[in-house]
Protein backbone atom coordinates (compact mmCIF):
# COMPACT_ATOMS: atom_id res chain seq x y z
CA UNK A 1 181.98 -13.14 162.83
CA UNK A 2 178.57 -14.85 162.31
CA UNK A 3 177.71 -12.32 159.59
CA UNK A 4 180.83 -13.30 157.63
CA UNK A 5 179.82 -16.96 157.85
CA UNK A 6 176.34 -16.21 156.51
CA UNK A 7 177.76 -14.15 153.63
CA UNK A 8 180.28 -16.87 152.76
CA UNK A 9 177.53 -19.50 152.80
CA UNK A 10 175.28 -17.34 150.61
CA UNK A 11 178.06 -16.82 148.07
CA UNK A 12 178.83 -20.55 148.02
CA UNK A 13 175.17 -21.42 147.42
CA UNK A 14 174.83 -18.81 144.66
CA UNK A 15 177.89 -20.24 142.91
CA UNK A 16 176.59 -23.79 143.30
CA UNK A 17 173.22 -22.79 141.85
CA UNK A 18 174.84 -21.04 138.91
CA UNK A 19 176.88 -24.12 138.06
CA UNK A 20 173.97 -26.58 138.21
CA UNK A 21 171.80 -24.62 135.77
CA UNK A 22 169.43 -22.96 138.23
CA UNK A 23 170.31 -19.48 136.99
CA UNK A 24 169.14 -20.42 133.49
CA UNK A 25 165.83 -21.74 134.86
CA UNK A 26 165.20 -18.62 136.92
CA UNK A 27 165.99 -16.37 133.95
CA UNK A 28 163.63 -18.36 131.71
CA UNK A 29 160.81 -18.10 134.26
CA UNK A 30 161.41 -14.36 134.71
CA UNK A 31 161.29 -13.76 130.95
CA UNK A 32 158.09 -15.80 130.69
CA UNK A 33 156.41 -13.85 133.49
CA UNK A 34 157.48 -10.50 132.01
CA UNK A 35 156.21 -11.31 128.53
CA UNK A 36 152.88 -12.49 129.97
CA UNK A 37 152.66 -9.32 132.04
CA UNK A 38 152.93 -7.02 129.01
CA UNK A 39 150.64 -9.23 126.93
CA UNK A 40 153.15 -10.76 124.54
CA UNK A 41 152.96 -14.34 125.75
């Protein structure tokens, strides 16, 4: 039972983060890091 609660909470927080724009910020930072890593940025 506690594992189901943790999974439900994780899903709820992921959805909340996606709706407030956090996913866009994380993607932008990941792209920036990757382009710097290969020497394009």
